[in-house]
Amino acid sequence: MADLNNAEHGMIGNHPYRLEVALHDVIMAGDGWNITLPENPGARPIVQTVTENDEKCPVFGPAFLQKALNVVSDRAVRVRGEISTDWPRRSTKPDHDGVVRHPLWGGESDAWFCLHCSGKLTGIQLAQNLWHCPGCGASPLDIFDTAFWCDDEAKSLQPVKTEGAVDGDKPDFGVVDDRPKLELNGEKITLLIRSALLDDATNISEKLGALQAEITVDDENDVWISLEEDLWPQDKEPVQALIVAAKLGLEVELESTWSTIPFHWPGLGELTSSTSEYTQMMLDAYAQCDSLPNSKT
């Protein structure tokens, strides 16, 4: 459903609603329903609900729906008027030959072409429909005075027929499921598996091993975990990581690898589970070798 954070608030009967304009579309939303009236004057209102014909949902009541559509339509008229005001006068007022000016990048003509549907349009059609294609609903961004994508100088393009106004037609209804859905991908799986590895770690060496572990997730969400043998004991099974994988229905392959570890003496990390204590032990060990970054020789 619509997320209207800075919306206006109102009531129709006992039902509260929120009203907002987003990218020139007018959106009204209530509990379990919303209505969207697109910027395109030729588009139908779109009604979305979280359930099918439910008596508790007010938009299924004809009287409520009509009042809501009136509110949305009134706001849409204001929005479209503001758009027209920002455009050159010639964009909405054709001359006696039907010549209009493109509202975004200029250029004047009485014949125009829609890149989206390859239809041929008149300037009068566009001026009356806020520069949206009356055939496919494309925005002014898809309208050009030449069909540059056509090899035959637009001779094969057919005129777009302007149907009757649809403002009074019934809106399009649709049911949407706005419940949160768990969508697992490689990044999310890796995050959970690494967190589980940290649960398995009992000392600093193993924590570093969990953080350094290479976790790969394939297209079928099977998981490979490569653990540094100097940081993670070869005979230690990452129990929590395997439990998490099982809960997610994932297959796991484990392997030990050898690579460059972040600090010398990995065994120091096996003596403590405190990062601050390990840091001091590590600094002391480097100091004995006179190899601290700020040491003087």
Protein backbone atom coordinates (compact mmCIF):
# COMPACT_ATOMS: atom_id res chain seq x y z
CA MET A 1 0.00 0.00 0.00
CA ALA A 2 1.07 3.62 -0.31
CA ASP A 3 3.63 4.99 2.11
CA LEU A 4 2.44 8.54 2.76
CA ASN A 5 4.72 10.14 5.31
CA ASN A 6 3.91 13.80 4.64
CA ALA A 7 0.29 13.47 3.65
CA GLU A 8 -2.74 15.60 4.34
CA HIS A 9 -5.36 14.00 6.55
CA GLY A 10 -9.12 13.96 6.21
CA MET A 11 -12.29 11.98 6.86
CA ILE A 12 -15.02 10.53 4.68
CA GLY A 13 -17.76 9.54 7.06
CA ASN A 14 -16.06 7.58 9.84
CA HIS A 15 -13.12 6.59 7.70
CA PRO A 16 -9.84 8.55 7.88
CA TYR A 17 -7.66 8.98 4.83
CA ARG A 18 -4.29 10.42 3.86
CA LEU A 19 -3.81 12.38 0.64
CA GLU A 20 -0.54 13.17 -1.09
CA VAL A 21 0.88 14.01 -4.50
CA ALA A 22 3.84 11.89 -5.60
CA LEU A 23 5.48 12.63 -8.95
CA HIS A 24 2.23 14.34 -10.01
CA ASP A 25 0.17 11.24 -9.18
CA VAL A 26 -2.52 11.83 -6.57
CA ILE A 27 -2.68 9.12 -3.91
CA MET A 28 -5.34 8.66 -1.25
CA ALA A 29 -4.83 5.92 1.32
CA GLY A 30 -6.76 4.50 4.24
CA ASP A 31 -6.70 1.38 6.35
CA GLY A 32 -6.24 -1.48 3.90
CA TRP A 33 -6.87 0.50 0.71
CA ASN A 34 -5.54 3.23 -1.54
CA ILE A 35 -6.58 5.09 -4.67
CA THR A 36 -4.08 6.42 -7.22
CA LEU A 37 -5.02 8.85 -9.96
CA PRO A 38 -2.08 9.12 -12.38
CA GLU A 39 -0.77 12.36 -13.84
CA ASN A 40 -2.07 11.22 -17.24
CA PRO A 41 -5.58 12.75 -17.65
CA GLY A 42 -6.62 9.77 -19.75
CA ALA A 43 -5.77 7.16 -17.14
CA ARG A 44 -8.30 5.43 -14.95
CA PRO A 45 -8.12 5.65 -11.17
CA ILE A 46 -6.44 2.63 -9.63
CA VAL A 47 -7.95 1.18 -6.45
CA GLN A 48 -5.85 -1.26 -4.45
CA THR A 49 -6.97 -3.23 -1.41
CA VAL A 50 -5.34 -5.87 0.77
CA THR A 51 -8.39 -8.13 0.54
CA GLU A 52 -11.03 -8.91 -2.04
CA ASN A 53 -14.59 -7.63 -1.65
CA ASP A 54 -14.53 -7.20 2.13
CA GLU A 55 -17.47 -5.46 3.79
CA LYS A 56 -15.08 -3.81 6.25
CA CYS A 57 -13.16 -2.08 3.45
CA PRO A 58 -15.01 1.17 2.63
CA VAL A 59 -13.92 1.48 -1.01
CA PHE A 60 -16.22 -1.43 -1.88
CA GLY A 61 -19.13 0.80 -0.93
CA PRO A 62 -20.30 2.82 -3.98
CA ALA A 63 -21.14 5.96 -2.00
CA PHE A 64 -17.80 6.06 -0.19
CA LEU A 65 -15.88 5.28 -3.37
CA GLN A 66 -17.56 8.08 -5.29
CA LYS A 67 -16.78 10.61 -2.54
CA ALA A 68 -13.17 9.45 -2.43
CA LEU A 69 -12.85 9.68 -6.22
CA ASN A 70 -14.26 13.20 -6.10
CA VAL A 71 -11.59 14.25 -3.59
CA VAL A 72 -8.83 12.65 -5.65
CA SER A 73 -10.14 14.13 -8.90
CA ASP A 74 -10.36 17.62 -7.44
CA ARG A 75 -6.75 17.42 -6.33
CA ALA A 76 -5.69 16.03 -9.72
CA VAL A 77 -7.28 19.03 -11.46
CA ARG A 78 -5.17 21.34 -9.28
CA VAL A 79 -2.01 19.35 -9.94
CA ARG A 80 -2.53 19.33 -13.69
CA GLY A 81 -3.29 23.03 -13.63
CA GLU A 82 -0.02 23.69 -11.82
CA ILE A 83 1.83 21.63 -14.41
CA SER A 84 0.25 23.59 -17.26
CA THR A 85 1.13 26.87 -15.58
CA ASP A 86 4.79 25.89 -15.49
CA TRP A 87 4.79 25.10 -19.21
CA PRO A 88 4.95 27.57 -22.13
CA ARG A 89 1.51 28.76 -23.19
CA ARG A 90 1.98 27.27 -26.65
CA SER A 91 2.30 23.79 -25.08
CA THR A 92 -1.34 23.76 -24.03
CA LYS A 93 -2.81 26.25 -26.52
CA PRO A 94 -2.35 25.12 -30.16
CA ASP A 95 -2.35 27.82 -32.81
CA HIS A 96 -4.90 27.81 -35.67
CA ASP A 97 -2.80 25.19 -37.51
CA GLY A 98 -2.61 22.89 -34.49
CA VAL A 99 1.06 23.69 -33.84
CA VAL A 100 2.21 23.23 -30.25
CA ARG A 101 5.54 23.51 -28.44
CA HIS A 102 7.05 20.60 -26.50
CA PRO A 103 6.83 21.57 -22.81
CA LEU A 104 10.19 20.12 -21.81
CA TRP A 105 12.70 20.68 -24.59
CA GLY A 106 10.96 23.02 -27.00
CA GLY A 107 10.45 22.44 -30.68
CA GLU A 108 7.16 23.25 -32.40
CA SER A 109 5.10 21.10 -34.74
CA ASP A 110 1.58 19.99 -35.52
CA ALA A 111 2.69 16.34 -35.79
CA TRP A 112 4.37 14.36 -33.05
CA PHE A 113 5.49 10.78 -32.45
CA CYS A 114 5.45 8.49 -29.41
CA LEU A 115 8.66 6.58 -28.83
CA HIS A 116 6.84 4.14 -26.56
CA CYS A 117 4.17 2.91 -28.98
CA SER A 118 5.43 4.44 -32.27
CA GLY A 119 2.11 6.20 -32.76
CA LYS A 120 1.57 9.41 -34.71
CA LEU A 121 -0.07 12.23 -32.74
CA THR A 122 -1.46 15.67 -33.45
CA GLY A 123 -0.54 18.73 -31.46
CA ILE A 124 -4.19 19.14 -30.47
CA GLN A 125 -4.31 15.61 -29.02
CA LEU A 126 -1.23 16.26 -26.90
CA ALA A 127 -2.36 19.67 -25.70
CA GLN A 128 -5.67 18.18 -24.56
CA ASN A 129 -4.02 15.24 -22.77
CA LEU A 130 -1.24 17.05 -20.88
CA TRP A 131 1.30 15.71 -23.37
CA HIS A 132 0.60 12.07 -22.57
CA CYS A 133 0.06 9.71 -25.47
CA PRO A 134 -3.68 8.98 -25.60
CA GLY A 135 -2.90 5.56 -27.04
CA CYS A 136 -0.41 4.09 -24.56
CA GLY A 137 -0.22 6.72 -21.81
CA ALA A 138 3.47 7.52 -22.34
CA SER A 139 4.70 10.72 -20.68
CA PRO A 140 6.09 13.83 -22.41
CA LEU A 141 9.55 12.27 -22.11
CA ASP A 142 8.55 9.84 -24.88
CA ILE A 143 7.06 12.41 -27.26
CA PHE A 144 9.20 13.79 -30.14
CA ASP A 145 8.64 15.92 -33.23
CA THR A 146 10.55 13.41 -35.40
CA ALA A 147 10.42 9.62 -35.38
CA PHE A 148 14.23 9.31 -35.32
CA TRP A 149 13.95 5.58 -34.52
CA CYS A 150 12.00 4.88 -37.72
CA ASP A 151 13.81 4.07 -41.00
CA ASP A 152 11.06 5.20 -43.39
CA GLU A 153 10.64 8.79 -42.14
CA ALA A 154 7.58 7.77 -40.11
CA LYS A 155 5.57 6.78 -43.18
CA SER A 156 4.66 3.44 -41.62
CA LEU A 157 3.50 4.94 -38.31
CA GLN A 158 -0.24 4.96 -37.71
CA PRO A 159 -2.21 7.82 -36.15
CA VAL A 160 -3.26 7.29 -32.56
CA LYS A 161 -7.00 7.32 -32.14
CA THR A 162 -8.33 9.40 -29.29
CA GLU A 163 -10.95 7.44 -27.39
CA GLY A 164 -13.72 9.03 -25.41
CA ALA A 165 -12.91 10.48 -22.01
CA VAL A 166 -12.51 7.84 -19.33
CA ASP A 167 -12.63 10.07 -16.26
CA GLY A 168 -16.15 8.83 -15.52
CA ASP A 169 -15.35 5.15 -16.07
CA LYS A 170 -15.14 2.73 -13.23
CA PRO A 171 -11.69 2.52 -11.61
CA ASP A 172 -9.40 -0.47 -11.99
CA PHE A 173 -9.46 -2.63 -8.86
CA GLY A 174 -6.58 -4.76 -7.71
CA VAL A 175 -5.68 -6.75 -4.61
CA VAL A 176 -2.17 -6.35 -3.25
CA ASP A 177 -0.42 -8.27 -0.51
CA ASP A 178 1.46 -5.76 1.63
CA ARG A 179 2.69 -8.26 4.19
CA PRO A 180 6.48 -8.24 4.65
CA LYS A 181 8.13 -11.06 2.70
CA LEU A 182 11.43 -12.74 3.39
CA GLU A 183 13.47 -12.49 0.20
CA LEU A 184 16.77 -14.24 0.70
CA ASN A 185 19.72 -13.30 -1.47
CA GLY A 186 23.44 -13.90 -1.25
CA GLU A 187 24.10 -10.78 0.80
CA LYS A 188 21.45 -11.57 3.42
CA ILE A 189 22.42 -15.23 3.67
CA THR A 190 26.08 -14.29 4.10
CA LEU A 191 25.17 -11.86 6.87
CA LEU A 192 23.21 -14.50 8.81
CA ILE A 193 25.85 -17.21 8.36
CA ARG A 194 28.66 -14.89 9.47
CA SER A 195 26.64 -13.86 12.50
CA ALA A 196 26.14 -17.54 13.35
CA LEU A 197 29.88 -18.16 13.00
CA LEU A 198 30.43 -15.42 15.56
CA ASP A 199 27.97 -17.25 17.84
CA ASP A 200 30.14 -20.34 17.43
CA ALA A 201 33.36 -18.50 18.23
CA THR A 202 34.58 -18.93 21.81
CA ASN A 203 37.79 -16.89 21.66
CA ILE A 204 39.31 -14.01 19.75
CA SER A 205 41.09 -16.24 17.29
CA GLU A 206 37.81 -17.86 16.27
CA LYS A 207 36.03 -14.49 16.15
CA LEU A 208 38.69 -13.26 13.74
CA GLY A 209 38.22 -16.47 11.79
CA ALA A 210 34.47 -15.85 11.57
CA LEU A 211 35.05 -12.30 10.39
CA GLN A 212 37.69 -13.41 7.87
CA ALA A 213 35.74 -16.43 6.62
CA GLU A 214 35.00 -16.53 2.92
CA ILE A 215 31.29 -17.24 2.47
CA THR A 216 30.00 -17.94 -1.04
CA VAL A 217 26.37 -18.34 -2.03
CA ASP A 218 25.52 -19.77 -5.46
CA ASP A 219 22.46 -19.19 -7.64
CA GLU A 220 20.57 -21.96 -5.84
CA ASN A 221 21.46 -20.50 -2.43
CA ASP A 222 23.86 -23.31 -1.56
CA VAL A 223 26.59 -22.07 0.78
CA TRP A 224 30.35 -22.64 0.86
CA ILE A 225 32.22 -21.59 4.01
CA SER A 226 36.01 -21.35 3.86
CA LEU A 227 37.61 -20.99 7.30
CA GLU A 228 41.23 -19.94 7.86
CA GLU A 229 42.96 -22.91 9.46
CA ASP A 230 45.25 -20.71 11.60
CA LEU A 231 42.21 -18.98 13.12
CA TRP A 232 39.54 -21.69 13.20
CA PRO A 233 40.32 -25.19 14.47
CA GLN A 234 40.00 -27.81 11.74
CA ASP A 235 38.15 -30.18 14.03
CA LYS A 236 35.62 -27.56 15.24
CA GLU A 237 32.24 -27.74 13.52
CA PRO A 238 30.40 -24.39 13.25
CA VAL A 239 27.27 -25.75 14.88
CA GLN A 240 25.25 -22.52 14.99
CA ALA A 241 26.06 -21.71 11.37
CA LEU A 242 24.81 -25.14 10.33
CA ILE A 243 21.64 -24.70 12.40
CA VAL A 244 20.93 -21.35 10.76
CA ALA A 245 21.51 -22.85 7.32
CA ALA A 246 19.16 -25.74 8.12
CA LYS A 247 16.42 -23.32 9.25
CA LEU A 248 16.78 -21.52 5.93
CA GLY A 249 16.77 -24.78 3.98
CA LEU A 250 20.33 -24.31 2.71
CA GLU A 251 23.01 -26.87 1.91
CA VAL A 252 26.45 -26.08 3.37
CA GLU A 253 29.95 -27.14 2.36
CA LEU A 254 32.84 -26.49 4.75
CA GLU A 255 36.53 -26.25 3.93
CA SER A 256 39.73 -25.10 5.58
CA THR A 257 41.98 -22.69 3.76
CA TRP A 258 45.32 -21.05 4.35
CA SER A 259 45.77 -17.35 3.66
CA THR A 260 47.35 -14.25 5.13
CA ILE A 261 46.10 -13.68 8.66
CA PRO A 262 45.67 -10.12 9.99
CA PHE A 263 48.12 -10.49 12.92
CA HIS A 264 51.08 -12.68 13.80
CA TRP A 265 50.85 -15.28 16.55
CA PRO A 266 47.25 -16.46 15.97
CA GLY A 267 47.59 -18.62 19.07
CA LEU A 268 47.38 -15.50 21.24
CA GLY A 269 43.74 -15.20 20.31
CA GLU A 270 43.03 -18.64 21.73
CA LEU A 271 43.92 -17.40 25.22
CA THR A 272 41.13 -14.85 25.63
CA SER A 273 37.65 -13.91 24.50
CA SER A 274 38.22 -10.21 25.21
CA THR A 275 39.22 -8.03 22.29
CA SER A 276 40.82 -5.40 24.53
CA GLU A 277 42.85 -8.05 26.36
CA TYR A 278 43.89 -9.63 23.06
CA THR A 279 44.89 -6.22 21.71
CA GLN A 280 47.20 -5.64 24.67
CA MET A 281 48.72 -9.11 24.30
CA MET A 282 49.28 -8.49 20.61
CA LEU A 283 50.87 -5.08 21.26
CA ASP A 284 53.16 -6.57 23.87
CA ALA A 285 54.24 -9.29 21.49
CA TYR A 286 55.02 -6.81 18.71
CA ALA A 287 56.83 -4.58 21.20
CA GLN A 288 59.14 -7.44 22.13
CA CYS A 289 60.14 -7.58 18.48
CA ASP A 290 60.55 -3.80 18.40
CA SER A 291 58.15 -3.76 15.48
CA LEU A 292 55.30 -1.50 16.58
CA PRO A 293 54.34 1.19 14.01
CA ASN A 294 55.67 3.99 16.30
CA SER A 295 58.76 2.13 17.50
CA LYS A 296 62.19 3.69 16.94
CA THR A 297 65.22 1.80 15.74
